[in-house]
Amino acid sequence: MKAKRARAARAAHAGGTRKQSSGRKRSARGAKPERDLAAEKRRARTILARLEREYPDARCSLDYDSPLQLVVATILSAQCTDARVNKVTPALFERYPTALALAEAEIGEVEEQIRSTGFFRNKARSIVACAQELVARHGGEVPADLESLVQLAGIGRKTANVVLGNAFGIPGVVVDTHVTRISRLLSLTVQKEPNKIELDLMEVVPRSKWTQLAHLFIEHGRRVCVARRPRCDACVLNDLCPSSEV
């Protein structure tokens, strides 16, 4: 077994296929790895370019016609598929077309409308409370800045960045489970907390690509880099990914 491992190591050293460096240089034991930020940025651009070619139609998969509708749909999408949310929202938006209508809604009626999305009691409370705050603070309109959005009920940085990037065209890095998992697999970050992952990605990904990043990673996570059984052999990033099994 030792001889076999030695032969494999020699073969790899002699000319086997090498994966592109993540841009993090090794340092002394116990010390943090040194960073080559320029290399990390080049690698991130390459990753995005390949994914854009692979998924040219990647976009927000929630259906909406206004910033308010996207706020509500994103709140509903927690622990629920976007496909299920898209089945629920048409009737919900028809019954409550404005922030004022939602603000005056009976919680129990909203719960019944969204029951199939799961955690419907908490979501109904968040949606109605958010609408009430929009009416009270912003004249019923969704604000187009991060600071104001995250002060609303039911809205954290992830939801705020979804709304800013997709409803207002203001770049923002959305960190959901797909983005967390894939960015860590690709060594674009070593962080585990969403806010820290967001900052790491903002540092290496061009600002113009911040919003699209999540759409691309979500598509890739659903189609190829599946959590339980990643299809590394079919992955366009397998030579760039330190976690690749091929």
Protein backbone atom coordinates (compact mmCIF):
# COMPACT_ATOMS: atom_id res chain seq x y z
CA MET A 1 0.00 0.00 0.00
CA LYS A 2 2.83 2.42 0.87
CA ALA A 3 4.59 1.62 -2.41
CA LYS A 4 1.38 2.24 -4.35
CA ARG A 5 0.90 5.62 -2.68
CA ALA A 6 4.51 6.54 -3.40
CA ARG A 7 4.14 5.67 -7.10
CA ALA A 8 0.95 7.75 -7.28
CA ALA A 9 2.67 10.69 -5.65
CA ARG A 10 5.63 10.46 -8.04
CA ALA A 11 3.28 10.28 -11.03
CA ALA A 12 1.36 13.34 -9.91
CA HIS A 13 4.60 15.23 -9.34
CA ALA A 14 6.01 14.19 -12.69
CA GLY A 15 3.17 15.61 -14.73
CA GLY A 16 -0.28 14.66 -13.55
CA THR A 17 -3.17 17.11 -14.02
CA ARG A 18 -2.91 19.96 -11.58
CA LYS A 19 -5.81 21.91 -10.18
CA GLN A 20 -5.54 25.66 -10.22
CA SER A 21 -4.38 27.14 -6.95
CA SER A 22 -7.01 28.71 -4.74
CA GLY A 23 -4.67 31.66 -4.19
CA ARG A 24 -4.07 30.81 -0.53
CA LYS A 25 -0.39 30.05 0.07
CA ARG A 26 0.70 27.64 2.74
CA SER A 27 2.54 29.09 5.70
CA ALA A 28 4.12 27.82 8.87
CA ARG A 29 2.19 25.26 10.89
CA GLY A 30 -0.45 26.95 13.04
CA ALA A 31 -0.32 30.24 11.12
CA LYS A 32 -3.06 31.51 8.82
CA PRO A 33 -2.39 30.85 5.12
CA GLU A 34 -0.97 33.79 3.23
CA ARG A 35 -3.30 35.29 0.65
CA ASP A 36 -2.59 36.18 -2.95
CA LEU A 37 -5.63 38.39 -3.47
CA ALA A 38 -4.88 39.05 -7.13
CA ALA A 39 -4.75 35.30 -7.81
CA GLU A 40 -8.01 34.77 -5.89
CA LYS A 41 -9.73 37.44 -7.97
CA ARG A 42 -8.48 35.91 -11.24
CA ARG A 43 -9.67 32.49 -10.14
CA ALA A 44 -13.09 33.83 -9.08
CA ARG A 45 -13.51 35.50 -12.48
CA THR A 46 -12.66 32.21 -14.20
CA ILE A 47 -15.19 30.33 -12.07
CA LEU A 48 -17.93 32.83 -12.86
CA ALA A 49 -17.12 32.88 -16.58
CA ARG A 50 -17.44 29.10 -16.81
CA LEU A 51 -20.69 29.03 -14.87
CA GLU A 52 -22.13 31.81 -17.01
CA ARG A 53 -21.41 29.74 -20.11
CA GLU A 54 -22.94 26.68 -18.46
CA TYR A 55 -26.07 28.47 -17.17
CA PRO A 56 -26.71 31.45 -19.46
CA ASP A 57 -30.33 31.74 -18.29
CA ALA A 58 -29.63 31.70 -14.53
CA ARG A 59 -31.88 34.17 -12.75
CA CYS A 60 -34.02 34.61 -9.66
CA SER A 61 -36.44 31.68 -9.69
CA LEU A 62 -39.08 33.42 -7.58
CA ASP A 63 -41.95 34.98 -9.55
CA TYR A 64 -42.69 38.64 -8.75
CA ASP A 65 -43.86 41.86 -10.38
CA SER A 66 -42.78 44.39 -7.75
CA PRO A 67 -40.27 44.83 -4.91
CA LEU A 68 -43.05 44.14 -2.38
CA GLN A 69 -43.92 40.84 -4.06
CA LEU A 70 -40.26 39.82 -4.02
CA VAL A 71 -39.99 40.68 -0.32
CA VAL A 72 -42.99 38.46 0.46
CA ALA A 73 -41.86 35.63 -1.84
CA THR A 74 -38.37 35.63 -0.31
CA ILE A 75 -39.77 35.44 3.22
CA LEU A 76 -41.92 32.50 2.12
CA SER A 77 -38.95 30.74 0.50
CA ALA A 78 -37.28 29.99 3.84
CA GLN A 79 -37.21 26.20 4.25
CA CYS A 80 -39.39 25.90 1.15
CA THR A 81 -38.76 25.37 -2.56
CA ASP A 82 -39.14 28.29 -4.91
CA ALA A 83 -41.48 26.17 -7.04
CA ARG A 84 -43.86 25.77 -4.09
CA VAL A 85 -43.69 29.49 -3.30
CA ASN A 86 -44.56 30.30 -6.92
CA LYS A 87 -47.70 28.19 -6.62
CA VAL A 88 -48.83 30.04 -3.50
CA THR A 89 -48.05 33.67 -4.32
CA PRO A 90 -50.44 34.40 -7.24
CA ALA A 91 -53.55 33.99 -5.06
CA LEU A 92 -51.83 35.73 -2.14
CA PHE A 93 -50.86 38.76 -4.23
CA GLU A 94 -54.30 38.94 -5.82
CA ARG A 95 -55.93 39.07 -2.40
CA TYR A 96 -53.37 41.46 -0.91
CA PRO A 97 -52.05 43.60 -3.78
CA THR A 98 -50.46 46.36 -1.67
CA ALA A 99 -48.48 46.80 1.52
CA LEU A 100 -51.54 48.46 3.08
CA ALA A 101 -53.72 45.46 2.25
CA LEU A 102 -51.21 43.12 3.87
CA ALA A 103 -50.79 45.44 6.85
CA GLU A 104 -54.53 45.26 7.51
CA ALA A 105 -54.81 41.51 6.87
CA GLU A 106 -55.96 39.03 9.50
CA ILE A 107 -53.00 36.84 10.50
CA GLY A 108 -55.15 33.71 10.39
CA GLU A 109 -56.24 34.40 6.81
CA VAL A 110 -52.66 34.91 5.67
CA GLU A 111 -51.68 31.68 7.44
CA GLU A 112 -54.25 29.74 5.44
CA GLN A 113 -53.02 31.28 2.19
CA ILE A 114 -49.40 30.26 2.81
CA ARG A 115 -49.85 27.08 4.86
CA SER A 116 -48.21 24.80 2.28
CA THR A 117 -44.91 26.71 2.44
CA GLY A 118 -44.20 25.47 5.96
CA PHE A 119 -43.59 27.45 9.15
CA PHE A 120 -46.66 29.37 8.02
CA ARG A 121 -47.47 30.96 11.39
CA ASN A 122 -44.06 32.60 11.74
CA LYS A 123 -44.03 33.61 8.08
CA ALA A 124 -47.51 35.14 8.27
CA ARG A 125 -46.54 37.20 11.31
CA SER A 126 -43.36 38.38 9.58
CA ILE A 127 -45.17 39.32 6.36
CA VAL A 128 -47.91 41.28 8.10
CA ALA A 129 -45.48 42.99 10.48
CA CYS A 130 -43.18 43.88 7.58
CA ALA A 131 -46.10 45.37 5.66
CA GLN A 132 -47.17 47.38 8.69
CA GLU A 133 -43.66 48.78 9.05
CA LEU A 134 -43.52 49.61 5.34
CA VAL A 135 -46.74 51.57 5.65
CA ALA A 136 -45.67 53.33 8.85
CA ARG A 137 -42.09 54.17 7.86
CA HIS A 138 -41.92 54.20 4.08
CA GLY A 139 -45.36 55.12 2.78
CA GLY A 140 -46.04 51.53 1.77
CA GLU A 141 -43.02 51.38 -0.56
CA VAL A 142 -40.06 49.02 -0.24
CA PRO A 143 -36.88 51.03 0.45
CA ALA A 144 -33.95 50.55 -1.89
CA ASP A 145 -31.14 50.52 0.67
CA LEU A 146 -29.72 47.76 2.81
CA GLU A 147 -29.81 49.63 6.11
CA SER A 148 -33.53 50.34 5.86
CA LEU A 149 -34.42 46.87 4.60
CA VAL A 150 -32.73 44.94 7.41
CA GLN A 151 -34.66 46.97 9.99
CA LEU A 152 -37.94 45.55 8.69
CA ALA A 153 -39.59 42.49 10.26
CA GLY A 154 -38.63 39.23 8.60
CA ILE A 155 -35.79 40.70 6.55
CA GLY A 156 -32.14 39.85 7.15
CA ARG A 157 -29.13 40.53 4.92
CA LYS A 158 -29.90 37.60 2.62
CA THR A 159 -33.45 38.75 1.86
CA ALA A 160 -32.32 42.36 1.61
CA ASN A 161 -29.66 41.48 -0.95
CA VAL A 162 -32.15 39.39 -2.93
CA VAL A 163 -34.48 42.38 -3.13
CA LEU A 164 -31.76 44.95 -3.85
CA GLY A 165 -30.10 42.89 -6.57
CA ASN A 166 -33.18 41.64 -8.36
CA ALA A 167 -35.87 44.27 -7.81
CA PHE A 168 -33.66 47.37 -7.83
CA GLY A 169 -30.56 46.32 -9.77
CA ILE A 170 -28.29 47.21 -6.84
CA PRO A 171 -25.51 44.57 -6.57
CA GLY A 172 -25.52 42.42 -3.45
CA VAL A 173 -24.09 39.02 -2.50
CA VAL A 174 -26.83 36.61 -1.43
CA VAL A 175 -25.54 33.89 0.89
CA ASP A 176 -27.92 30.93 1.07
CA THR A 177 -27.17 27.24 1.65
CA HIS A 178 -26.00 26.67 -1.94
CA VAL A 179 -23.70 29.69 -1.93
CA THR A 180 -22.31 28.76 1.48
CA ARG A 181 -21.57 25.17 0.49
CA ILE A 182 -20.17 25.81 -2.97
CA SER A 183 -18.05 28.82 -2.03
CA ARG A 184 -16.47 26.75 0.72
CA LEU A 185 -15.91 23.75 -1.57
CA LEU A 186 -14.20 26.06 -4.05
CA SER A 187 -12.11 27.65 -1.26
CA LEU A 188 -13.49 31.08 -2.07
CA THR A 189 -13.96 31.32 1.68
CA VAL A 190 -13.15 29.32 4.78
CA GLN A 191 -15.82 31.06 6.84
CA LYS A 192 -19.02 29.47 8.09
CA GLU A 193 -21.05 32.53 9.11
CA PRO A 194 -23.11 34.05 6.25
CA ASN A 195 -22.02 37.63 6.96
CA LYS A 196 -18.34 36.68 6.86
CA ILE A 197 -18.84 34.60 3.70
CA GLU A 198 -20.54 37.60 2.11
CA LEU A 199 -17.55 39.82 2.89
CA ASP A 200 -15.08 37.27 1.51
CA LEU A 201 -17.01 36.93 -1.74
CA MET A 202 -17.38 40.68 -2.10
CA GLU A 203 -13.60 40.94 -1.89
CA VAL A 204 -12.81 38.56 -4.78
CA VAL A 205 -15.90 38.75 -7.02
CA PRO A 206 -16.37 41.82 -9.27
CA ARG A 207 -19.16 44.05 -7.95
CA SER A 208 -21.04 43.77 -11.23
CA LYS A 209 -21.32 40.00 -10.64
CA TRP A 210 -22.43 40.03 -6.99
CA THR A 211 -26.10 39.43 -7.72
CA GLN A 212 -25.53 36.89 -10.49
CA LEU A 213 -23.15 34.89 -8.30
CA ALA A 214 -26.00 33.45 -6.23
CA HIS A 215 -28.08 32.56 -9.29
CA LEU A 216 -25.13 30.68 -10.80
CA PHE A 217 -24.20 28.85 -7.59
CA ILE A 218 -27.84 27.88 -6.98
CA GLU A 219 -28.18 26.45 -10.49
CA HIS A 220 -24.90 24.59 -10.14
CA GLY A 221 -25.86 23.29 -6.70
CA ARG A 222 -29.18 21.98 -7.98
CA ARG A 223 -27.91 20.41 -11.20
CA VAL A 224 -24.34 19.25 -10.62
CA CYS A 225 -22.80 20.04 -7.23
CA VAL A 226 -25.58 18.28 -5.34
CA ALA A 227 -24.95 18.16 -1.60
CA ARG A 228 -25.40 14.42 -1.07
CA ARG A 229 -23.99 13.21 -4.38
CA PRO A 230 -21.92 15.78 -6.28
CA ARG A 231 -21.34 14.94 -9.94
CA CYS A 232 -17.70 16.00 -10.02
CA ASP A 233 -17.07 14.16 -13.30
CA ALA A 234 -19.64 16.43 -15.03
CA CYS A 235 -18.53 19.63 -13.33
CA VAL A 236 -17.04 22.43 -15.43
CA LEU A 237 -15.08 23.52 -12.36
CA ASN A 238 -13.51 20.20 -11.40
CA ASP A 239 -9.98 21.39 -12.30
CA LEU A 240 -10.48 24.53 -10.20
CA CYS A 241 -12.10 22.89 -7.19
CA PRO A 242 -9.92 21.65 -4.33
CA SER A 243 -12.82 19.41 -3.24
CA SER A 244 -13.24 17.68 -6.61
CA GLU A 245 -13.25 13.89 -6.50
CA VAL A 246 -11.88 13.51 -10.04
